């Protein structure tokens, strides 16, 4: 691609992309447009707020159970050990990592199982 230079580093996540001024201007225009006319429209903001509430409620409900009965089996023992050792930061990290691994659809379904509610998300509106 013209106007774009990749400086590879090891590890690859430290690589740097450099843009020529004209390309950078085009990218900034597209980012501005996307932010103001896609991300910030009221419908998207409502769905984002709903998603935030879903994630917070999942965390609260999982944290409220020191035995981790609603966590996947592969995480339950680690979670129980962290809670038993009063390693709250580690226990919270386990919950956060579990939630972060969820797709939007799975998070909504999981929330529904925890609360018996079925919230509407952007995913369901688009399907």
N, C-alpha and C. Protein backbone atom coordinates (compact mmCIF):
# COMPACT_ATOMS: atom_id res chain seq x y z
N UNK A 1 0.85 -1.17 0.00
CA UNK A 1 0.00 0.00 0.00
C UNK A 1 0.90 1.24 0.00
N UNK A 2 0.58 2.19 -0.83
CA UNK A 2 1.37 3.41 -0.92
C UNK A 2 1.10 4.32 0.28
N UNK A 3 2.16 4.95 0.78
CA UNK A 3 2.00 5.90 1.87
C UNK A 3 2.00 5.27 3.25
N UNK A 4 2.20 3.95 3.32
CA UNK A 4 2.20 3.25 4.59
C UNK A 4 3.48 2.45 4.70
N UNK A 5 4.16 2.58 5.84
CA UNK A 5 5.40 1.84 6.05
C UNK A 5 5.30 1.08 7.37
N UNK A 6 5.63 -0.19 7.31
CA UNK A 6 5.62 -1.05 8.50
C UNK A 6 7.05 -1.28 8.94
N UNK A 7 7.35 -0.92 10.17
CA UNK A 7 8.65 -1.21 10.76
C UNK A 7 8.47 -2.39 11.69
N UNK A 8 8.88 -3.56 11.22
CA UNK A 8 8.69 -4.80 11.99
C UNK A 8 9.63 -4.86 13.18
N UNK A 9 9.09 -5.33 14.29
CA UNK A 9 9.86 -5.50 15.52
C UNK A 9 9.64 -6.91 16.03
N UNK A 10 10.49 -7.29 16.94
CA UNK A 10 10.32 -8.59 17.59
C UNK A 10 10.11 -8.33 19.07
N UNK A 11 9.02 -8.66 19.65
CA UNK A 11 7.88 -9.39 19.10
C UNK A 11 7.05 -8.50 18.17
N UNK A 12 6.27 -9.13 17.28
CA UNK A 12 5.50 -8.38 16.29
C UNK A 12 4.56 -7.32 16.87
N UNK A 13 4.08 -7.53 18.10
CA UNK A 13 3.16 -6.55 18.68
C UNK A 13 3.83 -5.20 18.92
N UNK A 14 5.15 -5.14 18.85
CA UNK A 14 5.87 -3.88 19.01
C UNK A 14 6.18 -3.21 17.68
N UNK A 15 5.70 -3.81 16.59
CA UNK A 15 5.91 -3.21 15.27
C UNK A 15 5.21 -1.86 15.20
N UNK A 16 5.72 -1.00 14.31
CA UNK A 16 5.20 0.36 14.19
C UNK A 16 4.75 0.60 12.75
N UNK A 17 3.59 1.20 12.59
CA UNK A 17 3.09 1.60 11.27
C UNK A 17 3.26 3.10 11.16
N UNK A 18 3.90 3.55 10.07
CA UNK A 18 4.08 4.98 9.83
C UNK A 18 3.32 5.35 8.57
N UNK A 19 2.60 6.46 8.65
CA UNK A 19 1.79 6.94 7.54
C UNK A 19 2.35 8.26 7.01
N UNK A 20 2.36 8.39 5.70
CA UNK A 20 2.74 9.66 5.11
C UNK A 20 1.64 10.68 5.42
N UNK A 21 1.96 11.98 5.43
CA UNK A 21 0.98 13.00 5.83
C UNK A 21 -0.36 12.93 5.09
N UNK A 22 -0.35 12.70 3.76
CA UNK A 22 -1.62 12.62 3.02
C UNK A 22 -2.46 11.43 3.47
N UNK A 23 -1.81 10.31 3.66
CA UNK A 23 -2.52 9.10 4.11
C UNK A 23 -3.02 9.31 5.53
N UNK A 24 -2.21 9.90 6.38
CA UNK A 24 -2.63 10.17 7.75
C UNK A 24 -3.87 11.06 7.78
N UNK A 25 -3.93 12.09 6.94
CA UNK A 25 -5.12 12.95 6.87
C UNK A 25 -6.35 12.15 6.48
N UNK A 26 -6.20 11.27 5.49
CA UNK A 26 -7.34 10.45 5.06
C UNK A 26 -7.81 9.54 6.19
N UNK A 27 -6.88 8.94 6.89
CA UNK A 27 -7.23 8.06 8.01
C UNK A 27 -7.95 8.86 9.09
N UNK A 28 -7.46 10.05 9.41
CA UNK A 28 -8.07 10.87 10.44
C UNK A 28 -9.49 11.31 10.05
N UNK A 29 -9.71 11.62 8.78
CA UNK A 29 -11.06 11.97 8.31
C UNK A 29 -12.00 10.78 8.50
N UNK A 30 -11.55 9.60 8.12
CA UNK A 30 -12.39 8.40 8.27
C UNK A 30 -12.67 8.10 9.74
N UNK A 31 -11.67 8.25 10.60
CA UNK A 31 -11.87 8.02 12.03
C UNK A 31 -12.87 9.02 12.61
N UNK A 32 -12.73 10.29 12.22
CA UNK A 32 -13.65 11.33 12.69
C UNK A 32 -15.08 11.00 12.24
N UNK A 33 -15.23 10.69 10.97
CA UNK A 33 -16.54 10.37 10.41
C UNK A 33 -17.15 9.18 11.17
N UNK A 34 -16.38 8.13 11.32
CA UNK A 34 -16.87 6.93 12.00
C UNK A 34 -17.29 7.24 13.43
N UNK A 35 -16.46 7.98 14.15
CA UNK A 35 -16.76 8.30 15.54
C UNK A 35 -18.04 9.12 15.66
N UNK A 36 -18.16 10.18 14.87
CA UNK A 36 -19.29 11.10 15.03
C UNK A 36 -20.58 10.64 14.34
N UNK A 37 -20.48 9.88 13.27
CA UNK A 37 -21.68 9.53 12.52
C UNK A 37 -22.05 8.04 12.59
N UNK A 38 -21.24 7.26 13.29
CA UNK A 38 -21.58 5.85 13.49
C UNK A 38 -21.59 5.53 14.98
N UNK A 39 -20.44 5.70 15.64
CA UNK A 39 -20.32 5.31 17.04
C UNK A 39 -21.19 6.16 17.96
N UNK A 40 -21.27 7.45 17.71
CA UNK A 40 -21.97 8.37 18.62
C UNK A 40 -23.45 8.57 18.31
N UNK A 41 -24.03 7.82 17.39
CA UNK A 41 -25.47 7.99 17.17
C UNK A 41 -26.22 7.42 18.38
N UNK A 42 -27.35 8.00 18.73
CA UNK A 42 -28.05 7.60 19.96
C UNK A 42 -28.38 6.11 20.05
N UNK A 43 -28.76 5.48 18.94
CA UNK A 43 -29.10 4.06 19.00
C UNK A 43 -27.89 3.22 19.42
N UNK A 44 -26.73 3.53 18.86
CA UNK A 44 -25.52 2.78 19.20
C UNK A 44 -25.15 3.04 20.66
N UNK A 45 -25.28 4.28 21.11
CA UNK A 45 -24.97 4.61 22.50
C UNK A 45 -25.88 3.85 23.46
N UNK A 46 -27.15 3.72 23.11
CA UNK A 46 -28.09 2.97 23.95
C UNK A 46 -27.67 1.51 24.04
N UNK A 47 -27.28 0.92 22.91
CA UNK A 47 -26.82 -0.47 22.91
C UNK A 47 -25.52 -0.62 23.70
N UNK A 48 -24.63 0.38 23.57
CA UNK A 48 -23.38 0.34 24.32
C UNK A 48 -23.65 0.41 25.83
N UNK A 49 -24.57 1.28 26.23
CA UNK A 49 -24.93 1.39 27.64
C UNK A 49 -25.52 0.08 28.14
N UNK A 50 -26.37 -0.53 27.33
CA UNK A 50 -26.97 -1.81 27.70
C UNK A 50 -25.89 -2.87 27.86
N UNK A 51 -24.93 -2.90 26.94
CA UNK A 51 -23.83 -3.86 27.04
C UNK A 51 -23.01 -3.65 28.30
N UNK A 52 -22.77 -2.39 28.65
CA UNK A 52 -22.03 -2.08 29.87
C UNK A 52 -22.77 -2.63 31.10
N UNK A 53 -24.08 -2.44 31.13
CA UNK A 53 -24.88 -2.93 32.25
C UNK A 53 -24.84 -4.46 32.33
N UNK A 54 -24.88 -5.10 31.17
CA UNK A 54 -24.83 -6.57 31.14
C UNK A 54 -23.50 -7.06 31.70
N UNK A 55 -22.39 -6.47 31.26
CA UNK A 55 -21.07 -6.89 31.74
C UNK A 55 -20.95 -6.67 33.24
N UNK A 56 -21.39 -5.51 33.73
CA UNK A 56 -21.31 -5.21 35.16
C UNK A 56 -22.13 -6.20 35.98
N UNK A 57 -23.33 -6.51 35.51
CA UNK A 57 -24.20 -7.42 36.26
C UNK A 57 -23.63 -8.84 36.25
N UNK A 58 -23.07 -9.27 35.13
CA UNK A 58 -22.43 -10.60 35.10
C UNK A 58 -21.31 -10.64 36.13
N UNK A 59 -20.46 -9.61 36.14
CA UNK A 59 -19.36 -9.58 37.11
C UNK A 59 -19.90 -9.65 38.54
N UNK A 60 -20.87 -8.80 38.87
CA UNK A 60 -21.41 -8.77 40.24
C UNK A 60 -21.94 -10.13 40.66
N UNK A 61 -22.67 -10.76 39.77
CA UNK A 61 -23.28 -12.05 40.13
C UNK A 61 -22.23 -13.15 40.27
N UNK A 62 -21.22 -13.14 39.41
CA UNK A 62 -20.16 -14.14 39.54
C UNK A 62 -19.35 -13.90 40.81
N UNK A 63 -19.06 -12.65 41.13
CA UNK A 63 -18.28 -12.33 42.33
C UNK A 63 -19.06 -12.68 43.59
N UNK A 64 -20.36 -12.60 43.55
CA UNK A 64 -21.19 -12.89 44.72
C UNK A 64 -21.15 -14.37 45.11
N UNK A 65 -20.65 -15.22 44.24
CA UNK A 65 -20.59 -16.65 44.51
C UNK A 65 -19.14 -17.06 44.76
N UNK A 66 -18.71 -17.17 46.03
CA UNK A 66 -17.31 -17.50 46.32
C UNK A 66 -16.89 -18.89 45.85
N UNK A 67 -17.85 -19.74 45.57
CA UNK A 67 -17.52 -21.09 45.09
C UNK A 67 -17.36 -21.15 43.57
N UNK A 68 -17.76 -20.09 42.88
CA UNK A 68 -17.60 -20.04 41.44
C UNK A 68 -18.41 -21.06 40.68
N UNK A 69 -19.59 -21.37 41.17
CA UNK A 69 -20.41 -22.43 40.56
C UNK A 69 -20.89 -22.11 39.16
N UNK A 70 -20.89 -20.83 38.79
CA UNK A 70 -21.37 -20.45 37.45
C UNK A 70 -20.23 -20.26 36.47
N UNK A 71 -19.00 -20.42 36.93
CA UNK A 71 -17.84 -20.32 36.04
C UNK A 71 -17.65 -21.65 35.31
N UNK A 72 -16.98 -21.63 34.18
CA UNK A 72 -16.65 -22.89 33.50
C UNK A 72 -15.78 -23.77 34.41
N UNK A 73 -15.90 -25.06 34.25
CA UNK A 73 -15.19 -26.01 35.11
C UNK A 73 -13.68 -25.76 35.15
N UNK A 74 -13.09 -25.38 34.01
CA UNK A 74 -11.64 -25.19 34.00
C UNK A 74 -11.20 -23.98 34.82
N UNK A 75 -12.11 -23.09 35.17
CA UNK A 75 -11.76 -21.92 35.97
C UNK A 75 -12.17 -22.04 37.43
N UNK A 76 -13.07 -22.94 37.72
CA UNK A 76 -13.64 -23.03 39.06
C UNK A 76 -12.59 -23.27 40.13
N UNK A 77 -11.71 -24.23 39.94
CA UNK A 77 -10.70 -24.56 40.97
C UNK A 77 -9.75 -23.38 41.20
N UNK A 78 -9.31 -22.73 40.11
CA UNK A 78 -8.42 -21.57 40.26
C UNK A 78 -9.13 -20.45 41.01
N UNK A 79 -10.38 -20.23 40.67
CA UNK A 79 -11.16 -19.18 41.32
C UNK A 79 -11.37 -19.49 42.80
N UNK A 80 -11.74 -20.72 43.11
CA UNK A 80 -11.96 -21.11 44.51
C UNK A 80 -10.67 -20.97 45.31
N UNK A 81 -9.55 -21.35 44.73
CA UNK A 81 -8.26 -21.24 45.42
C UNK A 81 -7.92 -19.77 45.69
N UNK A 82 -8.14 -18.93 44.71
CA UNK A 82 -7.85 -17.51 44.89
C UNK A 82 -8.74 -16.90 45.97
N UNK A 83 -10.02 -17.24 45.95
CA UNK A 83 -10.94 -16.71 46.97
C UNK A 83 -10.56 -17.23 48.36
N UNK A 84 -10.22 -18.52 48.46
CA UNK A 84 -9.86 -19.11 49.75
C UNK A 84 -8.61 -18.47 50.33
N UNK A 85 -7.68 -18.06 49.44
CA UNK A 85 -6.43 -17.44 49.88
C UNK A 85 -6.57 -15.92 50.03
N UNK A 86 -7.78 -15.41 49.91
CA UNK A 86 -8.03 -13.96 49.97
C UNK A 86 -7.23 -13.19 48.93
N UNK A 87 -7.02 -13.80 47.79
CA UNK A 87 -6.35 -13.14 46.67
C UNK A 87 -7.44 -12.57 45.76
N UNK A 88 -8.06 -11.51 46.24
CA UNK A 88 -9.20 -10.93 45.53
C UNK A 88 -8.82 -10.41 44.14
N UNK A 89 -7.63 -9.86 44.01
CA UNK A 89 -7.22 -9.34 42.71
C UNK A 89 -7.16 -10.48 41.69
N UNK A 90 -6.58 -11.60 42.08
CA UNK A 90 -6.50 -12.76 41.18
C UNK A 90 -7.89 -13.31 40.88
N UNK A 91 -8.74 -13.42 41.90
CA UNK A 91 -10.10 -13.93 41.69
C UNK A 91 -10.88 -13.01 40.74
N UNK A 92 -10.74 -11.72 40.94
CA UNK A 92 -11.42 -10.78 40.04
C UNK A 92 -10.87 -10.88 38.62
N UNK A 93 -9.57 -11.07 38.49
CA UNK A 93 -8.96 -11.21 37.16
C UNK A 93 -9.52 -12.43 36.45
N UNK A 94 -9.73 -13.52 37.16
CA UNK A 94 -10.30 -14.74 36.56
C UNK A 94 -11.70 -14.43 36.01
N UNK A 95 -12.50 -13.73 36.79
CA UNK A 95 -13.85 -13.36 36.32
C UNK A 95 -13.74 -12.43 35.11
N UNK A 96 -12.89 -11.42 35.21
CA UNK A 96 -12.75 -10.46 34.11
C UNK A 96 -12.29 -11.14 32.82
N UNK A 97 -11.32 -12.04 32.94
CA UNK A 97 -10.85 -12.75 31.75
C UNK A 97 -11.95 -13.62 31.15
N UNK A 98 -12.75 -14.25 32.00
CA UNK A 98 -13.86 -15.05 31.51
C UNK A 98 -14.86 -14.18 30.76
N UNK A 99 -15.23 -13.05 31.34
CA UNK A 99 -16.18 -12.15 30.68
C UNK A 99 -15.59 -11.62 29.37
N UNK A 100 -14.30 -11.26 29.39
CA UNK A 100 -13.66 -10.72 28.19
C UNK A 100 -13.62 -11.74 27.05
N UNK A 101 -13.65 -13.01 27.39
CA UNK A 101 -13.62 -14.05 26.35
C UNK A 101 -14.99 -14.27 25.69
N UNK A 102 -16.03 -13.68 26.26
CA UNK A 102 -17.39 -13.89 25.74
C UNK A 102 -17.65 -13.08 24.47
N UNK A 103 -18.37 -13.68 23.55
CA UNK A 103 -18.89 -12.92 22.42
C UNK A 103 -20.10 -12.12 22.93
N UNK A 104 -20.57 -11.17 22.14
CA UNK A 104 -21.75 -10.40 22.54
C UNK A 104 -22.96 -11.31 22.73
N UNK A 105 -23.13 -12.23 21.82
CA UNK A 105 -24.30 -13.12 21.90
C UNK A 105 -24.20 -14.01 23.14
N UNK A 106 -23.01 -14.58 23.38
CA UNK A 106 -22.85 -15.45 24.55
C UNK A 106 -23.05 -14.66 25.84
N UNK A 107 -22.49 -13.44 25.92
CA UNK A 107 -22.66 -12.62 27.13
C UNK A 107 -24.14 -12.34 27.38
N UNK A 108 -24.89 -12.05 26.33
CA UNK A 108 -26.31 -11.78 26.48
C UNK A 108 -27.06 -13.02 26.94
N UNK A 109 -26.71 -14.18 26.37
CA UNK A 109 -27.35 -15.43 26.79
C UNK A 109 -27.00 -15.78 28.23
N UNK A 110 -25.73 -15.60 28.59
CA UNK A 110 -25.27 -15.89 29.95
C UNK A 110 -25.98 -14.98 30.94
N UNK A 111 -26.08 -13.70 30.61
CA UNK A 111 -26.81 -12.74 31.43
C UNK A 111 -28.26 -13.19 31.61
N UNK A 112 -28.86 -13.64 30.53
CA UNK A 112 -30.23 -14.13 30.60
C UNK A 112 -30.38 -15.31 31.55
N UNK A 113 -29.39 -16.22 31.53
CA UNK A 113 -29.43 -17.37 32.45
C UNK A 113 -29.26 -16.92 33.90
N UNK A 114 -28.43 -15.89 34.13
CA UNK A 114 -28.21 -15.41 35.49
C UNK A 114 -29.40 -14.64 36.05
N UNK A 115 -30.11 -13.93 35.19
CA UNK A 115 -31.14 -13.01 35.65
C UNK A 115 -32.56 -13.36 35.23
N UNK A 116 -32.71 -14.29 34.33
CA UNK A 116 -34.00 -14.63 33.73
C UNK A 116 -34.55 -13.48 32.90
N UNK A 117 -33.66 -12.58 32.45
CA UNK A 117 -34.04 -11.48 31.56
C UNK A 117 -33.39 -11.70 30.21
N UNK A 118 -34.01 -11.21 29.16
CA UNK A 118 -33.46 -11.33 27.82
C UNK A 118 -33.30 -9.93 27.22
N UNK A 119 -32.17 -9.27 27.46
CA UNK A 119 -32.00 -7.91 26.93
C UNK A 119 -31.82 -7.92 25.42
N UNK A 120 -32.10 -6.79 24.81
CA UNK A 120 -31.90 -6.62 23.38
C UNK A 120 -30.54 -5.97 23.17
N UNK A 121 -29.80 -6.47 22.20
CA UNK A 121 -28.51 -5.89 21.87
C UNK A 121 -28.48 -5.57 20.39
N UNK A 122 -27.45 -4.89 19.97
CA UNK A 122 -27.26 -4.56 18.56
C UNK A 122 -27.20 -5.84 17.71
N UNK A 123 -26.64 -6.90 18.28
CA UNK A 123 -26.51 -8.16 17.53
C UNK A 123 -27.90 -8.67 17.14
N UNK A 124 -28.82 -8.66 18.07
CA UNK A 124 -30.16 -9.18 17.78
C UNK A 124 -30.91 -8.25 16.82
N UNK A 125 -30.65 -6.96 16.89
CA UNK A 125 -31.32 -6.01 16.00
C UNK A 125 -30.83 -6.18 14.57
N UNK A 126 -29.56 -6.56 14.41
CA UNK A 126 -28.99 -6.66 13.06
C UNK A 126 -29.33 -7.97 12.37
N UNK A 127 -29.64 -9.00 13.14
CA UNK A 127 -29.90 -10.33 12.55
C UNK A 127 -31.26 -10.36 11.90
